[in-house]
């Protein structure tokens, strides 16, 4: 599972150019899944939603959206010992590891340094 999750994570990290909605549109514009392929750039929210969709539908793994102040990423439910980082939390007795499709080169369990000491908001969907 770890190899498959990381493959999807790296696919999203490197396949799409990044820009904030404000830079690209001048306003907040959350994408529908298909729009990530249409527009030339996407933001962290769009990447997190797309990555979460892929993990849930291709790997049948439970995933959360994670909201930090000014940033959105994902967390995947897995029982493996990650080779990347160890940023994780327990939710309803299950372990979830941060998976950030905007953090280039990161593998599951790796969190951007500026958010390591920040309590995120878990967004269920």
PDB file of N, CA and C in Angstrom:
ATOM      1  N   UNK A   1       0.805  -1.208   0.000  1.00  0.00           N
ATOM      2  CA  UNK A   1       0.000   0.000   0.000  1.00  0.00           C
ATOM      3  C   UNK A   1       0.850   1.277   0.000  1.00  0.00           C
ATOM      4  N   UNK A   2       1.940   1.273   0.777  1.00  0.00           N
ATOM      5  CA  UNK A   2       2.759   2.479   0.871  1.00  0.00           C
ATOM      6  C   UNK A   2       3.296   2.893  -0.498  1.00  0.00           C
ATOM      7  N   UNK A   3       3.751   1.933  -1.274  1.00  0.00           N
ATOM      8  CA  UNK A   3       4.300   2.230  -2.598  1.00  0.00           C
ATOM      9  C   UNK A   3       3.214   2.794  -3.521  1.00  0.00           C
ATOM     10  N   UNK A   4       2.028   2.240  -3.478  1.00  0.00           N
ATOM     11  CA  UNK A   4       0.930   2.716  -4.324  1.00  0.00           C
ATOM     12  C   UNK A   4       0.482   4.115  -3.902  1.00  0.00           C
ATOM     13  N   UNK A   5       0.372   4.350  -2.592  1.00  0.00           N
ATOM     14  CA  UNK A   5      -0.020   5.681  -2.101  1.00  0.00           C
ATOM     15  C   UNK A   5       1.017   6.715  -2.514  1.00  0.00           C
ATOM     16  N   UNK A   6       2.293   6.398  -2.334  1.00  0.00           N
ATOM     17  CA  UNK A   6       3.345   7.334  -2.713  1.00  0.00           C
ATOM     18  C   UNK A   6       3.379   7.581  -4.218  1.00  0.00           C
ATOM     19  N   UNK A   7       3.081   6.571  -5.014  1.00  0.00           N
ATOM     20  CA  UNK A   7       3.036   6.751  -6.472  1.00  0.00           C
ATOM     21  C   UNK A   7       1.944   7.759  -6.838  1.00  0.00           C
ATOM     22  N   UNK A   8       0.773   7.629  -6.224  1.00  0.00           N
ATOM     23  CA  UNK A   8      -0.308   8.590  -6.485  1.00  0.00           C
ATOM     24  C   UNK A   8       0.056   9.973  -5.958  1.00  0.00           C
ATOM     25  N   UNK A   9       0.677  10.021  -4.800  1.00  0.00           N
ATOM     26  CA  UNK A   9       1.084  11.292  -4.212  1.00  0.00           C
ATOM     27  C   UNK A   9       2.066  12.016  -5.131  1.00  0.00           C
ATOM     28  N   UNK A  10       3.067  11.316  -5.619  1.00  0.00           N
ATOM     29  CA  UNK A  10       4.050  11.933  -6.506  1.00  0.00           C
ATOM     30  C   UNK A  10       3.448  12.287  -7.859  1.00  0.00           C
ATOM     31  N   UNK A  11       2.516  11.491  -8.338  1.00  0.00           N
ATOM     32  CA  UNK A  11       1.819  11.820  -9.583  1.00  0.00           C
ATOM     33  C   UNK A  11       1.152  13.185  -9.467  1.00  0.00           C
ATOM     34  N   UNK A  12       0.425  13.410  -8.385  1.00  0.00           N
ATOM     35  CA  UNK A  12      -0.280  14.686  -8.206  1.00  0.00           C
ATOM     36  C   UNK A  12       0.723  15.823  -7.960  1.00  0.00           C
ATOM     37  N   UNK A  13       1.771  15.561  -7.182  1.00  0.00           N
ATOM     38  CA  UNK A  13       2.768  16.602  -6.888  1.00  0.00           C
ATOM     39  C   UNK A  13       3.426  17.126  -8.156  1.00  0.00           C
ATOM     40  N   UNK A  14       3.764  16.241  -9.086  1.00  0.00           N
ATOM     41  CA  UNK A  14       4.584  16.631 -10.227  1.00  0.00           C
ATOM     42  C   UNK A  14       3.839  16.784 -11.548  1.00  0.00           C
ATOM     43  N   UNK A  15       2.580  16.388 -11.597  1.00  0.00           N
ATOM     44  CA  UNK A  15       1.846  16.444 -12.872  1.00  0.00           C
ATOM     45  C   UNK A  15       1.126  17.761 -13.120  1.00  0.00           C
ATOM     46  N   UNK A  16       0.972  18.560 -12.074  1.00  0.00           N
ATOM     47  CA  UNK A  16       0.180  19.774 -12.203  1.00  0.00           C
ATOM     48  C   UNK A  16       0.957  20.970 -11.670  1.00  0.00           C
ATOM     49  N   UNK A  17       0.951  22.058 -12.423  1.00  0.00           N
ATOM     50  CA  UNK A  17       1.617  23.276 -11.963  1.00  0.00           C
ATOM     51  C   UNK A  17       0.794  23.910 -10.848  1.00  0.00           C
ATOM     52  N   UNK A  18       1.495  24.603  -9.945  1.00  0.00           N
ATOM     53  CA  UNK A  18       0.847  25.196  -8.777  1.00  0.00           C
ATOM     54  C   UNK A  18       0.668  26.701  -8.929  1.00  0.00           C
ATOM     55  N   UNK A  19      -0.482  27.167  -8.502  1.00  0.00           N
ATOM     56  CA  UNK A  19      -0.761  28.596  -8.320  1.00  0.00           C
ATOM     57  C   UNK A  19      -1.934  28.703  -7.365  1.00  0.00           C
ATOM     58  N   UNK A  20      -1.931  29.743  -6.548  1.00  0.00           N
ATOM     59  CA  UNK A  20      -3.097  29.966  -5.694  1.00  0.00           C
ATOM     60  C   UNK A  20      -4.261  30.403  -6.575  1.00  0.00           C
ATOM     61  N   UNK A  21      -5.464  30.250  -6.069  1.00  0.00           N
ATOM     62  CA  UNK A  21      -6.636  30.715  -6.825  1.00  0.00           C
ATOM     63  C   UNK A  21      -6.564  32.217  -7.059  1.00  0.00           C
ATOM     64  N   UNK A  22      -6.074  32.935  -6.056  1.00  0.00           N
ATOM     65  CA  UNK A  22      -5.965  34.389  -6.196  1.00  0.00           C
ATOM     66  C   UNK A  22      -5.013  34.758  -7.337  1.00  0.00           C
ATOM     67  N   UNK A  23      -3.889  34.039  -7.443  1.00  0.00           N
ATOM     68  CA  UNK A  23      -2.937  34.301  -8.529  1.00  0.00           C
ATOM     69  C   UNK A  23      -3.534  33.966  -9.888  1.00  0.00           C
ATOM     70  N   UNK A  24      -4.266  32.864  -9.970  1.00  0.00           N
ATOM     71  CA  UNK A  24      -4.779  32.389 -11.253  1.00  0.00           C
ATOM     72  C   UNK A  24      -6.102  33.037 -11.657  1.00  0.00           C
ATOM     73  N   UNK A  25      -6.989  33.269 -10.685  1.00  0.00           N
ATOM     74  CA  UNK A  25      -8.324  33.759 -11.011  1.00  0.00           C
ATOM     75  C   UNK A  25      -8.667  35.099 -10.382  1.00  0.00           C
ATOM     76  N   UNK A  26      -7.961  35.453  -9.317  1.00  0.00           N
ATOM     77  CA  UNK A  26      -8.285  36.681  -8.596  1.00  0.00           C
ATOM     78  C   UNK A  26      -9.362  36.471  -7.540  1.00  0.00           C
ATOM     79  N   UNK A  27      -9.769  35.222  -7.328  1.00  0.00           N
ATOM     80  CA  UNK A  27     -10.778  34.877  -6.328  1.00  0.00           C
ATOM     81  C   UNK A  27     -10.663  33.388  -6.010  1.00  0.00           C
ATOM     82  N   UNK A  28     -11.296  32.934  -4.940  1.00  0.00           N
ATOM     83  CA  UNK A  28     -11.287  31.527  -4.550  1.00  0.00           C
ATOM     84  C   UNK A  28     -12.159  30.730  -5.514  1.00  0.00           C
ATOM     85  N   UNK A  29     -11.585  29.672  -6.099  1.00  0.00           N
ATOM     86  CA  UNK A  29     -12.313  28.837  -7.049  1.00  0.00           C
ATOM     87  C   UNK A  29     -11.982  27.365  -6.812  1.00  0.00           C
ATOM     88  N   UNK A  30     -12.755  26.690  -5.982  1.00  0.00           N
ATOM     89  CA  UNK A  30     -12.534  25.257  -5.819  1.00  0.00           C
ATOM     90  C   UNK A  30     -12.918  24.518  -7.102  1.00  0.00           C
ATOM     91  N   UNK A  31     -12.082  23.591  -7.506  1.00  0.00           N
ATOM     92  CA  UNK A  31     -12.307  22.844  -8.749  1.00  0.00           C
ATOM     93  C   UNK A  31     -13.213  21.643  -8.525  1.00  0.00           C
ATOM     94  N   UNK A  32     -13.954  21.289  -9.573  1.00  0.00           N
ATOM     95  CA  UNK A  32     -14.512  19.955  -9.689  1.00  0.00           C
ATOM     96  C   UNK A  32     -13.334  19.064 -10.072  1.00  0.00           C
ATOM     97  N   UNK A  33     -13.419  17.776  -9.818  1.00  0.00           N
ATOM     98  CA  UNK A  33     -12.313  16.857 -10.075  1.00  0.00           C
ATOM     99  C   UNK A  33     -11.757  17.033 -11.495  1.00  0.00           C
ATOM    100  N   UNK A  34     -12.605  17.097 -12.484  1.00  0.00           N
ATOM    101  CA  UNK A  34     -12.177  17.155 -13.884  1.00  0.00           C
ATOM    102  C   UNK A  34     -11.449  18.457 -14.221  1.00  0.00           C
ATOM    103  N   UNK A  35     -11.716  19.519 -13.484  1.00  0.00           N
ATOM    104  CA  UNK A  35     -11.139  20.817 -13.810  1.00  0.00           C
ATOM    105  C   UNK A  35      -9.633  20.880 -13.560  1.00  0.00           C
ATOM    106  N   UNK A  36      -9.093  19.969 -12.778  1.00  0.00           N
ATOM    107  CA  UNK A  36      -7.655  19.954 -12.548  1.00  0.00           C
ATOM    108  C   UNK A  36      -6.914  19.678 -13.863  1.00  0.00           C
ATOM    109  N   UNK A  37      -7.587  19.002 -14.799  1.00  0.00           N
ATOM    110  CA  UNK A  37      -6.991  18.725 -16.113  1.00  0.00           C
ATOM    111  C   UNK A  37      -7.217  19.864 -17.106  1.00  0.00           C
ATOM    112  N   UNK A  38      -8.189  20.692 -16.855  1.00  0.00           N
ATOM    113  CA  UNK A  38      -8.543  21.766 -17.781  1.00  0.00           C
ATOM    114  C   UNK A  38      -7.717  23.030 -17.561  1.00  0.00           C
ATOM    115  N   UNK A  39      -7.636  23.482 -16.328  1.00  0.00           N
ATOM    116  CA  UNK A  39      -6.939  24.728 -16.033  1.00  0.00           C
ATOM    117  C   UNK A  39      -5.424  24.500 -15.991  1.00  0.00           C
ATOM    118  N   UNK A  40      -4.638  25.515 -16.345  1.00  0.00           N
ATOM    119  CA  UNK A  40      -3.179  25.328 -16.407  1.00  0.00           C
ATOM    120  C   UNK A  40      -2.508  25.123 -15.050  1.00  0.00           C
ATOM    121  N   UNK A  41      -3.152  25.559 -13.961  1.00  0.00           N
ATOM    122  CA  UNK A  41      -2.564  25.429 -12.626  1.00  0.00           C
ATOM    123  C   UNK A  41      -3.660  25.111 -11.618  1.00  0.00           C
ATOM    124  N   UNK A  42      -3.242  24.607 -10.455  1.00  0.00           N
ATOM    125  CA  UNK A  42      -4.196  24.294  -9.393  1.00  0.00           C
ATOM    126  C   UNK A  42      -3.552  24.613  -8.051  1.00  0.00           C
ATOM    127  N   UNK A  43      -4.389  24.729  -7.024  1.00  0.00           N
ATOM    128  CA  UNK A  43      -3.865  25.056  -5.695  1.00  0.00           C
ATOM    129  C   UNK A  43      -3.891  23.824  -4.791  1.00  0.00           C
ATOM    130  N   UNK A  44      -3.500  24.020  -3.535  1.00  0.00           N
ATOM    131  CA  UNK A  44      -3.383  22.906  -2.589  1.00  0.00           C
ATOM    132  C   UNK A  44      -4.723  22.213  -2.346  1.00  0.00           C
ATOM    133  N   UNK A  45      -5.787  22.982  -2.291  1.00  0.00           N
ATOM    134  CA  UNK A  45      -7.126  22.413  -2.073  1.00  0.00           C
ATOM    135  C   UNK A  45      -7.508  21.475  -3.212  1.00  0.00           C
ATOM    136  N   UNK A  46      -7.272  21.916  -4.444  1.00  0.00           N
ATOM    137  CA  UNK A  46      -7.608  21.100  -5.615  1.00  0.00           C
ATOM    138  C   UNK A  46      -6.781  19.823  -5.646  1.00  0.00           C
ATOM    139  N   UNK A  47      -5.504  19.935  -5.319  1.00  0.00           N
ATOM    140  CA  UNK A  47      -4.624  18.766  -5.301  1.00  0.00           C
ATOM    141  C   UNK A  47      -5.043  17.785  -4.207  1.00  0.00           C
ATOM    142  N   UNK A  48      -5.373  18.302  -3.034  1.00  0.00           N
ATOM    143  CA  UNK A  48      -5.765  17.428  -1.922  1.00  0.00           C
ATOM    144  C   UNK A  48      -7.043  16.668  -2.255  1.00  0.00           C
ATOM    145  N   UNK A  49      -8.002  17.349  -2.843  1.00  0.00           N
ATOM    146  CA  UNK A  49      -9.260  16.695  -3.211  1.00  0.00           C
ATOM    147  C   UNK A  49      -9.022  15.645  -4.290  1.00  0.00           C
ATOM    148  N   UNK A  50      -8.230  15.979  -5.303  1.00  0.00           N
ATOM    149  CA  UNK A  50      -7.951  15.035  -6.388  1.00  0.00           C
ATOM    150  C   UNK A  50      -7.191  13.815  -5.872  1.00  0.00           C
ATOM    151  N   UNK A  51      -6.139  14.051  -5.080  1.00  0.00           N
ATOM    152  CA  UNK A  51      -5.374  12.941  -4.504  1.00  0.00           C
ATOM    153  C   UNK A  51      -6.273  12.049  -3.644  1.00  0.00           C
ATOM    154  N   UNK A  52      -7.092  12.660  -2.804  1.00  0.00           N
ATOM    155  CA  UNK A  52      -7.992  11.900  -1.934  1.00  0.00           C
ATOM    156  C   UNK A  52      -8.963  11.061  -2.749  1.00  0.00           C
ATOM    157  N   UNK A  53      -9.462  11.624  -3.828  1.00  0.00           N
ATOM    158  CA  UNK A  53     -10.362  10.902  -4.726  1.00  0.00           C
ATOM    159  C   UNK A  53      -9.650   9.669  -5.305  1.00  0.00           C
ATOM    160  N   UNK A  54      -8.414   9.856  -5.776  1.00  0.00           N
ATOM    161  CA  UNK A  54      -7.661   8.742  -6.353  1.00  0.00           C
ATOM    162  C   UNK A  54      -7.413   7.641  -5.330  1.00  0.00           C
ATOM    163  N   UNK A  55      -6.997   8.019  -4.137  1.00  0.00           N
ATOM    164  CA  UNK A  55      -6.706   7.028  -3.090  1.00  0.00           C
ATOM    165  C   UNK A  55      -7.961   6.245  -2.727  1.00  0.00           C
ATOM    166  N   UNK A  56      -9.046   6.958  -2.563  1.00  0.00           N
ATOM    167  CA  UNK A  56     -10.294   6.300  -2.166  1.00  0.00           C
ATOM    168  C   UNK A  56     -10.807   5.372  -3.266  1.00  0.00           C
ATOM    169  N   UNK A  57     -10.784   5.828  -4.521  1.00  0.00           N
ATOM    170  CA  UNK A  57     -11.407   5.058  -5.601  1.00  0.00           C
ATOM    171  C   UNK A  57     -10.493   4.038  -6.260  1.00  0.00           C
ATOM    172  N   UNK A  58      -9.192   4.271  -6.254  1.00  0.00           N
ATOM    173  CA  UNK A  58      -8.283   3.302  -6.868  1.00  0.00           C
ATOM    174  C   UNK A  58      -7.735   2.298  -5.859  1.00  0.00           C
ATOM    175  N   UNK A  59      -7.496   2.745  -4.635  1.00  0.00           N
ATOM    176  CA  UNK A  59      -6.885   1.871  -3.630  1.00  0.00           C
ATOM    177  C   UNK A  59      -7.850   1.428  -2.540  1.00  0.00           C
ATOM    178  N   UNK A  60      -9.043   2.002  -2.510  1.00  0.00           N
ATOM    179  CA  UNK A  60     -10.057   1.689  -1.500  1.00  0.00           C
ATOM    180  C   UNK A  60      -9.511   1.889  -0.081  1.00  0.00           C
ATOM    181  N   UNK A  61      -8.814   3.009   0.107  1.00  0.00           N
ATOM    182  CA  UNK A  61      -8.239   3.363   1.405  1.00  0.00           C
ATOM    183  C   UNK A  61      -8.951   4.607   1.914  1.00  0.00           C
ATOM    184  N   UNK A  62      -9.286   4.604   3.203  1.00  0.00           N
ATOM    185  CA  UNK A  62      -9.948   5.746   3.811  1.00  0.00           C
ATOM    186  C   UNK A  62      -8.986   6.932   3.854  1.00  0.00           C
ATOM    187  N   UNK A  63      -9.517   8.100   3.576  1.00  0.00           N
ATOM    188  CA  UNK A  63      -8.692   9.304   3.499  1.00  0.00           C
ATOM    189  C   UNK A  63      -9.470  10.492   4.050  1.00  0.00           C
ATOM    190  N   UNK A  64      -8.758  11.401   4.700  1.00  0.00           N
ATOM    191  CA  UNK A  64      -9.344  12.646   5.202  1.00  0.00           C
ATOM    192  C   UNK A  64      -8.735  13.828   4.457  1.00  0.00           C
ATOM    193  N   UNK A  65      -9.485  14.893   4.371  1.00  0.00           N
ATOM    194  CA  UNK A  65      -8.921  16.175   3.962  1.00  0.00           C
ATOM    195  C   UNK A  65      -8.473  16.869   5.239  1.00  0.00           C
ATOM    196  N   UNK A  66      -7.334  17.524   5.188  1.00  0.00           N
ATOM    197  CA  UNK A  66      -6.743  18.171   6.358  1.00  0.00           C
ATOM    198  C   UNK A  66      -6.582  19.652   6.070  1.00  0.00           C
ATOM    199  N   UNK A  67      -7.100  20.468   6.974  1.00  0.00           N
ATOM    200  CA  UNK A  67      -7.018  21.920   6.795  1.00  0.00           C
ATOM    201  C   UNK A  67      -6.105  22.539   7.845  1.00  0.00           C
ATOM    202  N   UNK A  68      -5.042  23.159   7.368  1.00  0.00           N
ATOM    203  CA  UNK A  68      -4.183  23.998   8.189  1.00  0.00           C
ATOM    204  C   UNK A  68      -4.513  25.441   7.830  1.00  0.00           C
ATOM    205  N   UNK A  69      -4.197  26.403   8.668  1.00  0.00           N
ATOM    206  CA  UNK A  69      -4.430  27.804   8.283  1.00  0.00           C
ATOM    207  C   UNK A  69      -3.685  28.134   6.985  1.00  0.00           C
ATOM    208  N   UNK A  70      -4.428  28.387   5.929  1.00  0.00           N
ATOM    209  CA  UNK A  70      -3.836  28.739   4.645  1.00  0.00           C
ATOM    210  C   UNK A  70      -3.341  27.569   3.813  1.00  0.00           C
ATOM    211  N   UNK A  71      -3.640  26.335   4.220  1.00  0.00           N
ATOM    212  CA  UNK A  71      -3.151  25.171   3.472  1.00  0.00           C
ATOM    213  C   UNK A  71      -4.093  23.990   3.643  1.00  0.00           C
ATOM    214  N   UNK A  72      -4.192  23.196   2.591  1.00  0.00           N
ATOM    215  CA  UNK A  72      -5.029  22.002   2.584  1.00  0.00           C
ATOM    216  C   UNK A  72      -4.187  20.822   2.104  1.00  0.00           C
ATOM    217  N   UNK A  73      -4.311  19.693   2.789  1.00  0.00           N
ATOM    218  CA  UNK A  73      -3.651  18.471   2.334  1.00  0.00           C
ATOM    219  C   UNK A  73      -4.551  17.288   2.680  1.00  0.00           C
ATOM    220  N   UNK A  74      -3.990  16.105   2.697  1.00  0.00           N
ATOM    221  CA  UNK A  74      -4.753  14.891   2.956  1.00  0.00           C
ATOM    222  C   UNK A  74      -4.077  14.062   4.041  1.00  0.00           C
ATOM    223  N   UNK A  75      -4.786  13.051   4.506  1.00  0.00           N
ATOM    224  CA  UNK A  75      -4.220  12.053   5.414  1.00  0.00           C
ATOM    225  C   UNK A  75      -4.829  10.707   5.042  1.00  0.00           C
ATOM    226  N   UNK A  76      -3.997   9.676   5.003  1.00  0.00           N
ATOM    227  CA  UNK A  76      -4.445   8.349   4.601  1.00  0.00           C
ATOM    228  C   UNK A  76      -4.408   7.394   5.788  1.00  0.00           C
ATOM    229  N   UNK A  77      -5.403   6.532   5.846  1.00  0.00           N
ATOM    230  CA  UNK A  77      -5.473   5.520   6.896  1.00  0.00           C
ATOM    231  C   UNK A  77      -4.629   4.328   6.471  1.00  0.00           C
ATOM    232  N   UNK A  78      -3.585   4.074   7.230  1.00  0.00           N
ATOM    233  CA  UNK A  78      -2.735   2.936   6.921  1.00  0.00           C
ATOM    234  C   UNK A  78      -2.106   2.414   8.209  1.00  0.00           C
ATOM    235  N   UNK A  79      -1.783   1.155   8.218  1.00  0.00           N
ATOM    236  CA  UNK A  79      -1.172   0.545   9.394  1.00  0.00           C
ATOM    237  C   UNK A  79       0.303   0.239   9.154  1.00  0.00           C
ATOM    238  N   UNK A  80       0.814   0.636   8.005  1.00  0.00           N
ATOM    239  CA  UNK A  80       2.208   0.356   7.679  1.00  0.00           C
ATOM    240  C   UNK A  80       3.142   1.310   8.406  1.00  0.00           C
ATOM    241  N   UNK A  81       4.386   0.929   8.522  1.00  0.00           N
ATOM    242  CA  UNK A  81       5.420   1.825   9.034  1.00  0.00           C
ATOM    243  C   UNK A  81       5.987   2.577   7.844  1.00  0.00           C
ATOM    244  N   UNK A  82       5.719   3.866   7.764  1.00  0.00           N
ATOM    245  CA  UNK A  82       6.143   4.627   6.594  1.00  0.00           C
ATOM    246  C   UNK A  82       7.647   4.795   6.576  1.00  0.00           C
ATOM    247  N   UNK A  83       8.194   4.867   5.368  1.00  0.00           N
ATOM    248  CA  UNK A  83       9.628   5.110   5.208  1.00  0.00           C
ATOM    249  C   UNK A  83       9.906   6.603   5.090  1.00  0.00           C
ATOM    250  N   UNK A  84       8.857   7.406   4.981  1.00  0.00           N
ATOM    251  CA  UNK A  84       9.018   8.851   4.858  1.00  0.00           C
ATOM    252  C   UNK A  84       9.054   9.515   6.217  1.00  0.00           C
ATOM    253  N   UNK A  85       7.949  10.113   6.590  1.00  0.00           N
ATOM    254  CA  UNK A  85       7.867  10.790   7.880  1.00  0.00           C
ATOM    255  C   UNK A  85       6.922  10.062   8.803  1.00  0.00           C
ATOM    256  N   UNK A  86       6.689  10.662   9.955  1.00  0.00           N
ATOM    257  CA  UNK A  86       5.825   9.999  10.932  1.00  0.00           C
ATOM    258  C   UNK A  86       4.694  10.898  11.414  1.00  0.00           C
ATOM    259  N   UNK A  87       4.377  11.955  10.667  1.00  0.00           N
ATOM    260  CA  UNK A  87       3.301  12.839  11.079  1.00  0.00           C
ATOM    261  C   UNK A  87       1.975  12.116  10.900  1.00  0.00           C
ATOM    262  N   UNK A  88       1.343  11.819  12.030  1.00  0.00           N
ATOM    263  CA  UNK A  88       0.116  11.030  11.990  1.00  0.00           C
ATOM    264  C   UNK A  88      -0.780  11.411  13.164  1.00  0.00           C
ATOM    265  N   UNK A  89      -1.987  10.864  13.155  1.00  0.00           N
ATOM    266  CA  UNK A  89      -2.930  11.053  14.253  1.00  0.00           C
ATOM    267  C   UNK A  89      -3.868   9.857  14.295  1.00  0.00           C
ATOM    268  N   UNK A  90      -4.514   9.682  15.421  1.00  0.00           N
ATOM    269  CA  UNK A  90      -5.528   8.638  15.568  1.00  0.00           C
ATOM    270  C   UNK A  90      -6.907   9.270  15.438  1.00  0.00           C
ATOM    271  N   UNK A  91      -7.770   8.599  14.704  1.00  0.00           N
ATOM    272  CA  UNK A  91      -9.147   9.049  14.558  1.00  0.00           C
ATOM    273  C   UNK A  91     -10.031   7.814  14.590  1.00  0.00           C
ATOM    274  N   UNK A  92     -10.931   7.734  15.543  1.00  0.00           N
ATOM    275  CA  UNK A  92     -11.828   6.583  15.716  1.00  0.00           C
ATOM    276  C   UNK A  92     -11.047   5.271  15.742  1.00  0.00           C
ATOM    277  N   UNK A  93      -9.910   5.278  16.429  1.00  0.00           N
ATOM    278  CA  UNK A  93      -9.118   4.074  16.584  1.00  0.00           C
ATOM    279  C   UNK A  93      -8.274   3.692  15.384  1.00  0.00           C
ATOM    280  N   UNK A  94      -8.243   4.527  14.349  1.00  0.00           N
ATOM    281  CA  UNK A  94      -7.455   4.240  13.148  1.00  0.00           C
ATOM    282  C   UNK A  94      -6.345   5.274  13.004  1.00  0.00           C
ATOM    283  N   UNK A  95      -5.205   4.837  12.480  1.00  0.00           N
ATOM    284  CA  UNK A  95      -4.063   5.726  12.309  1.00  0.00           C
ATOM    285  C   UNK A  95      -4.061   6.326  10.895  1.00  0.00           C
ATOM    286  N   UNK A  96      -3.920   7.637  10.835  1.00  0.00           N
ATOM    287  CA  UNK A  96      -3.878   8.371   9.572  1.00  0.00           C
ATOM    288  C   UNK A  96      -2.551   9.111   9.468  1.00  0.00           C
ATOM    289  N   UNK A  97      -1.905   9.011   8.310  1.00  0.00           N
ATOM    290  CA  UNK A  97      -0.652   9.705   8.055  1.00  0.00           C
ATOM    291  C   UNK A  97      -0.882  10.853   7.074  1.00  0.00           C
ATOM    292  N   UNK A  98      -0.278  11.987   7.365  1.00  0.00           N
ATOM    293  CA  UNK A  98      -0.356  13.130   6.460  1.00  0.00           C
ATOM    294  C   UNK A  98       0.181  12.714   5.097  1.00  0.00           C
ATOM    295  N   UNK A  99      -0.489  13.138   4.051  1.00  0.00           N
ATOM    296  CA  UNK A  99      -0.059  12.923   2.670  1.00  0.00           C
ATOM    297  C   UNK A  99      -0.327  14.235   1.941  1.00  0.00           C
ATOM    298  N   UNK A 100       0.729  14.968   1.626  1.00  0.00           N
ATOM    299  CA  UNK A 100       0.579  16.322   1.103  1.00  0.00           C
ATOM    300  C   UNK A 100       0.923  16.394  -0.381  1.00  0.00           C
ATOM    301  N   UNK A 101      -0.079  16.496  -1.245  1.00  0.00           N
ATOM    302  CA  UNK A 101       0.180  16.539  -2.684  1.00  0.00           C
ATOM    303  C   UNK A 101       0.736  17.878  -3.186  1.00  0.00           C
ATOM    304  N   UNK A 102       0.925  18.846  -2.305  1.00  0.00           N
ATOM    305  CA  UNK A 102       1.545  20.108  -2.689  1.00  0.00           C
ATOM    306  C   UNK A 102       3.004  20.160  -2.249  1.00  0.00           C
ATOM    307  N   UNK A 103       3.409  19.321  -1.338  1.00  0.00           N
ATOM    308  CA  UNK A 103       4.764  19.285  -0.792  1.00  0.00           C
ATOM    309  C   UNK A 103       5.617  18.413  -1.709  1.00  0.00           C
ATOM    310  N   UNK A 104       6.275  19.049  -2.678  1.00  0.00           N
ATOM    311  CA  UNK A 104       7.041  18.330  -3.693  1.00  0.00           C
ATOM    312  C   UNK A 104       8.074  17.388  -3.075  1.00  0.00           C
ATOM    313  N   UNK A 105       8.042  16.134  -3.517  1.00  0.00           N
ATOM    314  CA  UNK A 105       8.991  15.132  -3.059  1.00  0.00           C
ATOM    315  C   UNK A 105       8.614  14.435  -1.768  1.00  0.00           C
ATOM    316  N   UNK A 106       7.596  14.930  -1.089  1.00  0.00           N
ATOM    317  CA  UNK A 106       7.186  14.322   0.178  1.00  0.00           C
ATOM    318  C   UNK A 106       6.530  12.970  -0.062  1.00  0.00           C
ATOM    319  N   UNK A 107       6.740  12.081   0.894  1.00  0.00           N
ATOM    320  CA  UNK A 107       6.043  10.797   0.895  1.00  0.00           C
ATOM    321  C   UNK A 107       5.047  10.810   2.054  1.00  0.00           C
ATOM    322  N   UNK A 108       4.257   9.752   2.181  1.00  0.00           N
ATOM    323  CA  UNK A 108       3.262   9.753   3.250  1.00  0.00           C
ATOM    324  C   UNK A 108       3.961   9.860   4.600  1.00  0.00           C
ATOM    325  N   UNK A 109       3.345  10.643   5.474  1.00  0.00           N
ATOM    326  CA  UNK A 109       3.896  10.874   6.799  1.00  0.00           C
ATOM    327  C   UNK A 109       4.737  12.129   6.894  1.00  0.00           C
ATOM    328  N   UNK A 110       5.026  12.771   5.760  1.00  0.00           N
ATOM    329  CA  UNK A 110       5.844  13.983   5.777  1.00  0.00           C
ATOM    330  C   UNK A 110       4.946  15.219   5.740  1.00  0.00           C
ATOM    331  N   UNK A 111       5.192  16.119   6.683  1.00  0.00           N
ATOM    332  CA  UNK A 111       4.411  17.353   6.811  1.00  0.00           C
ATOM    333  C   UNK A 111       5.339  18.540   6.578  1.00  0.00           C
ATOM    334  N   UNK A 112       4.824  19.579   5.924  1.00  0.00           N
ATOM    335  CA  UNK A 112       5.616  20.798   5.742  1.00  0.00           C
ATOM    336  C   UNK A 112       6.029  21.324   7.115  1.00  0.00           C
ATOM    337  N   UNK A 113       7.275  21.757   7.224  1.00  0.00           N
ATOM    338  CA  UNK A 113       7.826  22.184   8.512  1.00  0.00           C
ATOM    339  C   UNK A 113       7.000  23.268   9.186  1.00  0.00           C
ATOM    340  N   UNK A 114       6.460  24.198   8.410  1.00  0.00           N
ATOM    341  CA  UNK A 114       5.714  25.296   9.026  1.00  0.00           C
ATOM    342  C   UNK A 114       4.406  24.841   9.675  1.00  0.00           C
ATOM    343  N   UNK A 115       3.990  23.586   9.427  1.00  0.00           N
ATOM    344  CA  UNK A 115       2.740  23.086  10.013  1.00  0.00           C
ATOM    345  C   UNK A 115       2.966  21.990  11.061  1.00  0.00           C
ATOM    346  N   UNK A 116       4.205  21.633  11.332  1.00  0.00           N
ATOM    347  CA  UNK A 116       4.478  20.550  12.277  1.00  0.00           C
ATOM    348  C   UNK A 116       3.895  20.790  13.667  1.00  0.00           C
ATOM    349  N   UNK A 117       3.866  22.012  14.116  1.00  0.00           N
ATOM    350  CA  UNK A 117       3.357  22.323  15.453  1.00  0.00           C
ATOM    351  C   UNK A 117       1.953  22.916  15.428  1.00  0.00           C
ATOM    352  N   UNK A 118       1.265  22.784  14.308  1.00  0.00           N
ATOM    353  CA  UNK A 118      -0.079  23.340  14.153  1.00  0.00           C
ATOM    354  C   UNK A 118      -1.109  22.218  14.215  1.00  0.00           C
ATOM    355  N   UNK A 119      -2.129  22.395  15.011  1.00  0.00           N
ATOM    356  CA  UNK A 119      -3.215  21.417  15.092  1.00  0.00           C
ATOM    357  C   UNK A 119      -4.130  21.588  13.872  1.00  0.00           C
ATOM    358  N   UNK A 120      -4.199  20.620  12.992  1.00  0.00           N
ATOM    359  CA  UNK A 120      -5.056  20.760  11.807  1.00  0.00           C
ATOM    360  C   UNK A 120      -6.517  20.460  12.115  1.00  0.00           C
ATOM    361  N   UNK A 121      -7.361  20.868  11.215  1.00  0.00           N
ATOM    362  CA  UNK A 121      -8.782  20.527  11.264  1.00  0.00           C
ATOM    363  C   UNK A 121      -9.010  19.364  10.317  1.00  0.00           C
ATOM    364  N   UNK A 122      -9.599  18.291  10.820  1.00  0.00           N
ATOM    365  CA  UNK A 122      -9.903  17.116  10.004  1.00  0.00           C
ATOM    366  C   UNK A 122     -11.242  17.348   9.323  1.00  0.00           C
ATOM    367  N   UNK A 123     -11.239  17.195   8.006  1.00  0.00           N
ATOM    368  CA  UNK A 123     -12.469  17.381   7.220  1.00  0.00           C
ATOM    369  C   UNK A 123     -12.895  16.033   6.667  1.00  0.00           C
ATOM    370  N   UNK A 124     -13.987  15.517   7.164  1.00  0.00           N
ATOM    371  CA  UNK A 124     -14.515  14.230   6.697  1.00  0.00           C
ATOM    372  C   UNK A 124     -15.381  14.460   5.472  1.00  0.00           C
ATOM    373  N   UNK A 125     -15.352  13.482   4.542  1.00  0.00           N
ATOM    374  CA  UNK A 125     -16.199  13.581   3.349  1.00  0.00           C
ATOM    375  C   UNK A 125     -16.595  12.213   2.871  1.00  0.00           C
TER     376      UNK A 125
END
